[in-house]
């Protein structure tokens, strides 16, 4: 169901005005599910596909994973010569109770590291 969740997240983000640059990118070693431009901001998006709505959505993305995404995004930027105005990490949670259900989508923008309360680049 992960692939279907990512596909639905792509459509959702496009509908919100983001320009998709890469899907399932492995430039920096760790996979970034979606890389997009939101106005002048380069966004790394982690997609979580679940069968039911979690109590706390933010708890699905741990600091070590945020660090891996951040590191991979830096390598993506270097290898593709991007010069974004700002950079952020978002998460899209796609809840699909069954494979063919409509489901629901939540978009959490600008996730931060818990220990510092901010993502620094």
N, C-alpha and C. Protein backbone atom coordinates (compact mmCIF):
# COMPACT_ATOMS: atom_id res chain seq x y z
N UNK A 1 0.81 -1.20 0.00
CA UNK A 1 0.00 0.00 0.00
C UNK A 1 0.85 1.27 0.00
N UNK A 2 2.14 1.14 0.29
CA UNK A 2 3.02 2.31 0.32
C UNK A 2 3.08 3.03 -1.01
N UNK A 3 3.16 2.27 -2.10
CA UNK A 3 3.22 2.85 -3.44
C UNK A 3 1.94 3.64 -3.73
N UNK A 4 0.80 3.06 -3.38
CA UNK A 4 -0.49 3.72 -3.62
C UNK A 4 -0.58 4.99 -2.78
N UNK A 5 -0.13 4.91 -1.53
CA UNK A 5 -0.13 6.09 -0.68
C UNK A 5 0.74 7.20 -1.24
N UNK A 6 1.92 6.85 -1.74
CA UNK A 6 2.81 7.85 -2.33
C UNK A 6 2.18 8.48 -3.57
N UNK A 7 1.54 7.66 -4.38
CA UNK A 7 0.89 8.18 -5.59
C UNK A 7 -0.22 9.16 -5.22
N UNK A 8 -1.01 8.80 -4.22
CA UNK A 8 -2.08 9.70 -3.78
C UNK A 8 -1.50 10.98 -3.18
N UNK A 9 -0.40 10.86 -2.47
CA UNK A 9 0.27 12.05 -1.92
C UNK A 9 0.76 12.96 -3.05
N UNK A 10 1.32 12.36 -4.11
CA UNK A 10 1.76 13.15 -5.27
C UNK A 10 0.60 13.96 -5.85
N UNK A 11 -0.52 13.31 -6.07
CA UNK A 11 -1.69 13.99 -6.63
C UNK A 11 -2.18 15.10 -5.69
N UNK A 12 -2.19 14.80 -4.40
CA UNK A 12 -2.62 15.77 -3.40
C UNK A 12 -1.72 17.01 -3.42
N UNK A 13 -0.41 16.79 -3.41
CA UNK A 13 0.53 17.91 -3.38
C UNK A 13 0.47 18.73 -4.67
N UNK A 14 0.32 18.06 -5.80
CA UNK A 14 0.15 18.81 -7.06
C UNK A 14 -1.09 19.69 -6.98
N UNK A 15 -2.16 19.15 -6.41
CA UNK A 15 -3.39 19.92 -6.25
C UNK A 15 -3.23 21.12 -5.33
N UNK A 16 -2.25 21.08 -4.46
CA UNK A 16 -1.95 22.19 -3.55
C UNK A 16 -0.95 23.17 -4.14
N UNK A 17 -0.55 22.92 -5.40
CA UNK A 17 0.32 23.86 -6.09
C UNK A 17 1.81 23.55 -6.04
N UNK A 18 2.20 22.39 -5.51
CA UNK A 18 3.61 22.03 -5.49
C UNK A 18 4.02 21.44 -6.83
N UNK A 19 5.24 21.74 -7.23
CA UNK A 19 5.79 21.18 -8.47
C UNK A 19 6.68 20.00 -8.06
N UNK A 20 6.32 18.81 -8.50
CA UNK A 20 7.07 17.61 -8.15
C UNK A 20 8.35 17.55 -8.98
N UNK A 21 9.48 17.42 -8.29
CA UNK A 21 10.79 17.35 -8.95
C UNK A 21 11.27 15.90 -9.02
N UNK A 22 11.06 15.15 -7.95
CA UNK A 22 11.54 13.76 -7.91
C UNK A 22 10.62 12.93 -7.03
N UNK A 23 10.55 11.65 -7.37
CA UNK A 23 9.74 10.69 -6.61
C UNK A 23 10.63 9.49 -6.32
N UNK A 24 10.71 9.10 -5.07
CA UNK A 24 11.54 7.98 -4.62
C UNK A 24 13.01 8.20 -4.97
N UNK A 25 13.50 9.37 -4.68
CA UNK A 25 14.88 9.73 -5.01
C UNK A 25 15.85 9.11 -4.01
N UNK A 26 16.94 8.52 -4.53
CA UNK A 26 17.96 7.89 -3.69
C UNK A 26 19.33 8.52 -3.87
N UNK A 27 19.37 9.80 -4.25
CA UNK A 27 20.63 10.50 -4.50
C UNK A 27 21.56 10.44 -3.30
N UNK A 28 21.05 10.72 -2.12
CA UNK A 28 21.90 10.83 -0.93
C UNK A 28 22.04 9.56 -0.13
N UNK A 29 21.66 8.42 -0.67
CA UNK A 29 21.78 7.17 0.07
C UNK A 29 20.46 6.72 0.66
N UNK A 30 19.80 7.59 1.41
CA UNK A 30 18.47 7.28 1.94
C UNK A 30 17.43 7.76 0.94
N UNK A 31 16.33 7.06 0.87
CA UNK A 31 15.29 7.45 -0.09
C UNK A 31 14.45 8.60 0.46
N UNK A 32 14.24 9.60 -0.40
CA UNK A 32 13.29 10.66 -0.10
C UNK A 32 12.07 10.36 -0.96
N UNK A 33 10.91 10.22 -0.32
CA UNK A 33 9.71 9.82 -1.05
C UNK A 33 9.36 10.80 -2.16
N UNK A 34 9.29 12.09 -1.82
CA UNK A 34 8.94 13.12 -2.80
C UNK A 34 9.80 14.35 -2.55
N UNK A 35 10.32 14.92 -3.63
CA UNK A 35 11.00 16.22 -3.56
C UNK A 35 10.21 17.16 -4.46
N UNK A 36 9.85 18.31 -3.91
CA UNK A 36 8.98 19.23 -4.64
C UNK A 36 9.39 20.67 -4.38
N UNK A 37 8.90 21.55 -5.23
CA UNK A 37 9.05 22.99 -5.03
C UNK A 37 7.69 23.54 -4.61
N UNK A 38 7.69 24.28 -3.52
CA UNK A 38 6.49 24.97 -3.04
C UNK A 38 6.84 26.45 -3.02
N UNK A 39 6.43 27.13 -4.05
CA UNK A 39 6.85 28.50 -4.33
C UNK A 39 8.37 28.49 -4.51
N UNK A 40 9.14 29.11 -3.60
CA UNK A 40 10.61 29.11 -3.73
C UNK A 40 11.27 28.24 -2.67
N UNK A 41 10.49 27.32 -2.12
CA UNK A 41 11.00 26.44 -1.08
C UNK A 41 11.14 25.02 -1.63
N UNK A 42 12.32 24.43 -1.42
CA UNK A 42 12.53 23.03 -1.79
C UNK A 42 12.05 22.17 -0.62
N UNK A 43 11.17 21.22 -0.90
CA UNK A 43 10.53 20.44 0.14
C UNK A 43 10.82 18.95 -0.04
N UNK A 44 11.33 18.32 1.02
CA UNK A 44 11.45 16.86 1.06
C UNK A 44 10.21 16.36 1.79
N UNK A 45 9.49 15.43 1.18
CA UNK A 45 8.24 14.94 1.76
C UNK A 45 8.37 13.46 2.07
N UNK A 46 8.15 13.12 3.33
CA UNK A 46 8.07 11.72 3.76
C UNK A 46 6.60 11.33 3.75
N UNK A 47 6.28 10.21 3.11
CA UNK A 47 4.89 9.75 3.02
C UNK A 47 4.72 8.53 3.91
N UNK A 48 3.71 8.57 4.75
CA UNK A 48 3.35 7.44 5.61
C UNK A 48 1.96 6.97 5.18
N UNK A 49 1.84 5.69 4.85
CA UNK A 49 0.55 5.11 4.49
C UNK A 49 0.13 4.17 5.60
N UNK A 50 -1.04 4.44 6.17
CA UNK A 50 -1.52 3.69 7.32
C UNK A 50 -2.94 3.17 7.07
N UNK A 51 -3.32 2.15 7.82
CA UNK A 51 -4.68 1.61 7.69
C UNK A 51 -5.68 2.33 8.58
N UNK A 52 -5.18 3.00 9.62
CA UNK A 52 -6.08 3.75 10.49
C UNK A 52 -5.37 5.02 10.96
N UNK A 53 -6.14 5.98 11.39
CA UNK A 53 -5.60 7.26 11.84
C UNK A 53 -4.87 7.06 13.16
N UNK A 54 -3.61 7.46 13.24
CA UNK A 54 -2.86 7.32 14.50
C UNK A 54 -3.27 8.38 15.51
N UNK A 55 -2.99 8.10 16.78
CA UNK A 55 -3.29 9.08 17.83
C UNK A 55 -2.48 10.35 17.65
N UNK A 56 -1.19 10.18 17.37
CA UNK A 56 -0.32 11.34 17.16
C UNK A 56 0.45 11.10 15.86
N UNK A 57 0.06 11.83 14.84
CA UNK A 57 0.68 11.64 13.53
C UNK A 57 2.16 11.96 13.56
N UNK A 58 2.55 13.03 14.23
CA UNK A 58 3.96 13.47 14.25
C UNK A 58 4.89 12.38 14.79
N UNK A 59 4.38 11.51 15.67
CA UNK A 59 5.24 10.48 16.25
C UNK A 59 5.67 9.43 15.24
N UNK A 60 5.09 9.45 14.06
CA UNK A 60 5.45 8.49 13.02
C UNK A 60 6.79 8.80 12.37
N UNK A 61 7.33 9.98 12.58
CA UNK A 61 8.61 10.35 11.99
C UNK A 61 9.57 10.70 13.12
N UNK A 62 10.57 9.87 13.31
CA UNK A 62 11.53 10.03 14.40
C UNK A 62 12.71 10.89 13.97
N UNK A 63 13.42 11.44 14.94
CA UNK A 63 14.56 12.31 14.65
C UNK A 63 15.64 11.65 13.78
N UNK A 64 16.01 10.38 14.00
CA UNK A 64 17.01 9.78 13.12
C UNK A 64 16.58 9.78 11.65
N UNK A 65 15.29 9.57 11.40
CA UNK A 65 14.80 9.59 10.03
C UNK A 65 14.85 11.02 9.47
N UNK A 66 14.52 12.01 10.29
CA UNK A 66 14.62 13.40 9.86
C UNK A 66 16.07 13.75 9.49
N UNK A 67 17.02 13.27 10.29
CA UNK A 67 18.44 13.52 9.99
C UNK A 67 18.84 12.87 8.66
N UNK A 68 18.39 11.64 8.41
CA UNK A 68 18.70 10.97 7.14
C UNK A 68 18.10 11.72 5.96
N UNK A 69 16.86 12.17 6.10
CA UNK A 69 16.21 12.92 5.02
C UNK A 69 16.97 14.22 4.77
N UNK A 70 17.31 14.92 5.85
CA UNK A 70 18.05 16.19 5.75
C UNK A 70 19.38 15.98 5.02
N UNK A 71 20.12 14.94 5.40
CA UNK A 71 21.40 14.64 4.77
C UNK A 71 21.22 14.31 3.29
N UNK A 72 20.23 13.50 2.97
CA UNK A 72 19.97 13.13 1.58
C UNK A 72 19.55 14.34 0.76
N UNK A 73 18.76 15.23 1.35
CA UNK A 73 18.33 16.42 0.63
C UNK A 73 19.52 17.34 0.34
N UNK A 74 20.44 17.44 1.27
CA UNK A 74 21.66 18.23 1.02
C UNK A 74 22.41 17.68 -0.19
N UNK A 75 22.57 16.35 -0.24
CA UNK A 75 23.27 15.73 -1.37
C UNK A 75 22.50 15.91 -2.67
N UNK A 76 21.17 15.85 -2.62
CA UNK A 76 20.35 16.10 -3.80
C UNK A 76 20.58 17.51 -4.32
N UNK A 77 20.58 18.48 -3.42
CA UNK A 77 20.78 19.88 -3.80
C UNK A 77 22.15 20.05 -4.45
N UNK A 78 23.19 19.47 -3.84
CA UNK A 78 24.54 19.59 -4.39
C UNK A 78 24.66 18.94 -5.76
N UNK A 79 24.06 17.77 -5.93
CA UNK A 79 24.23 17.04 -7.20
C UNK A 79 23.35 17.60 -8.32
N UNK A 80 22.31 18.35 -7.98
CA UNK A 80 21.41 18.88 -9.01
C UNK A 80 21.52 20.40 -9.15
N UNK A 81 22.46 21.01 -8.44
CA UNK A 81 22.70 22.45 -8.52
C UNK A 81 21.44 23.28 -8.29
N UNK A 82 20.68 22.92 -7.26
CA UNK A 82 19.52 23.71 -6.87
C UNK A 82 19.97 24.80 -5.91
N UNK A 83 19.33 25.95 -6.02
CA UNK A 83 19.62 27.06 -5.12
C UNK A 83 18.29 27.59 -4.57
N UNK A 84 17.64 26.78 -3.73
CA UNK A 84 16.34 27.20 -3.21
C UNK A 84 16.48 28.34 -2.21
N UNK A 85 15.41 29.13 -2.11
CA UNK A 85 15.39 30.21 -1.14
C UNK A 85 15.35 29.65 0.28
N UNK A 86 14.50 28.65 0.47
CA UNK A 86 14.39 27.97 1.76
C UNK A 86 14.20 26.47 1.52
N UNK A 87 14.39 25.71 2.58
CA UNK A 87 14.28 24.26 2.52
C UNK A 87 13.48 23.79 3.73
N UNK A 88 12.66 22.76 3.53
CA UNK A 88 11.93 22.22 4.67
C UNK A 88 11.62 20.74 4.45
N UNK A 89 11.25 20.08 5.55
CA UNK A 89 10.83 18.68 5.49
C UNK A 89 9.37 18.63 5.93
N UNK A 90 8.54 18.00 5.09
CA UNK A 90 7.12 17.83 5.37
C UNK A 90 6.81 16.34 5.48
N UNK A 91 5.63 16.03 5.99
CA UNK A 91 5.16 14.65 6.00
C UNK A 91 3.71 14.65 5.53
N UNK A 92 3.39 13.69 4.66
CA UNK A 92 2.02 13.48 4.24
C UNK A 92 1.62 12.11 4.76
N UNK A 93 0.51 12.07 5.50
CA UNK A 93 -0.01 10.81 6.02
C UNK A 93 -1.26 10.47 5.23
N UNK A 94 -1.23 9.30 4.60
CA UNK A 94 -2.36 8.82 3.82
C UNK A 94 -2.97 7.65 4.60
N UNK A 95 -4.23 7.80 5.01
CA UNK A 95 -4.91 6.74 5.75
C UNK A 95 -5.82 6.01 4.77
N UNK A 96 -5.51 4.73 4.53
CA UNK A 96 -6.28 3.88 3.62
C UNK A 96 -6.75 2.63 4.38
N UNK A 97 -7.98 2.62 4.88
CA UNK A 97 -8.46 1.44 5.60
C UNK A 97 -8.45 0.18 4.73
N UNK A 98 -8.75 0.35 3.44
CA UNK A 98 -8.66 -0.76 2.48
C UNK A 98 -7.94 -0.25 1.24
N UNK A 99 -7.48 -1.16 0.43
CA UNK A 99 -6.69 -0.80 -0.74
C UNK A 99 -7.41 0.16 -1.68
N UNK A 100 -8.72 0.00 -1.84
CA UNK A 100 -9.45 0.81 -2.81
C UNK A 100 -10.33 1.89 -2.17
N UNK A 101 -10.15 2.14 -0.88
CA UNK A 101 -10.94 3.17 -0.22
C UNK A 101 -10.43 4.56 -0.61
N UNK A 102 -11.29 5.53 -0.46
CA UNK A 102 -10.92 6.91 -0.77
C UNK A 102 -9.86 7.41 0.21
N UNK A 103 -10.02 7.07 1.47
CA UNK A 103 -9.04 7.43 2.48
C UNK A 103 -9.05 8.90 2.83
N UNK A 104 -8.09 9.28 3.64
CA UNK A 104 -7.94 10.69 4.03
C UNK A 104 -6.45 11.03 4.03
N UNK A 105 -6.17 12.31 3.81
CA UNK A 105 -4.78 12.77 3.71
C UNK A 105 -4.56 13.93 4.67
N UNK A 106 -3.46 13.87 5.43
CA UNK A 106 -3.03 14.95 6.30
C UNK A 106 -1.65 15.41 5.86
N UNK A 107 -1.45 16.72 5.84
CA UNK A 107 -0.17 17.30 5.40
C UNK A 107 0.41 18.10 6.55
N UNK A 108 1.54 17.64 7.07
CA UNK A 108 2.24 18.35 8.14
C UNK A 108 3.44 19.05 7.52
N UNK A 109 3.49 20.35 7.64
CA UNK A 109 4.55 21.13 7.01
C UNK A 109 5.62 21.54 8.02
N UNK A 110 6.84 21.61 7.52
CA UNK A 110 7.99 22.12 8.28
C UNK A 110 8.22 21.36 9.58
N UNK A 111 8.47 20.07 9.47
CA UNK A 111 8.76 19.26 10.64
C UNK A 111 10.11 19.67 11.22
N UNK A 112 10.23 19.58 12.52
CA UNK A 112 11.47 19.99 13.19
C UNK A 112 12.00 18.84 14.03
N UNK A 113 13.26 18.96 14.36
CA UNK A 113 13.90 17.97 15.22
C UNK A 113 13.51 18.27 16.67
N UNK A 114 13.17 17.24 17.41
CA UNK A 114 12.68 17.43 18.77
C UNK A 114 13.72 18.05 19.70
N UNK A 115 14.99 17.60 19.60
CA UNK A 115 15.96 18.07 20.58
C UNK A 115 16.29 19.54 20.41
N UNK A 116 16.25 20.08 19.20
CA UNK A 116 16.60 21.48 19.02
C UNK A 116 15.38 22.34 18.70
N UNK A 117 14.25 21.70 18.45
CA UNK A 117 13.00 22.35 18.08
C UNK A 117 13.10 23.12 16.77
N UNK A 118 14.13 22.85 15.99
CA UNK A 118 14.19 23.42 14.65
C UNK A 118 15.14 22.61 13.79
N UNK A 119 14.89 22.63 12.50
CA UNK A 119 15.79 21.97 11.56
C UNK A 119 16.74 23.02 11.03
N UNK A 120 18.03 22.82 11.24
CA UNK A 120 19.01 23.78 10.74
C UNK A 120 19.73 23.16 9.55
N UNK A 121 20.07 24.00 8.62
CA UNK A 121 20.72 23.53 7.40
C UNK A 121 22.12 24.06 7.40
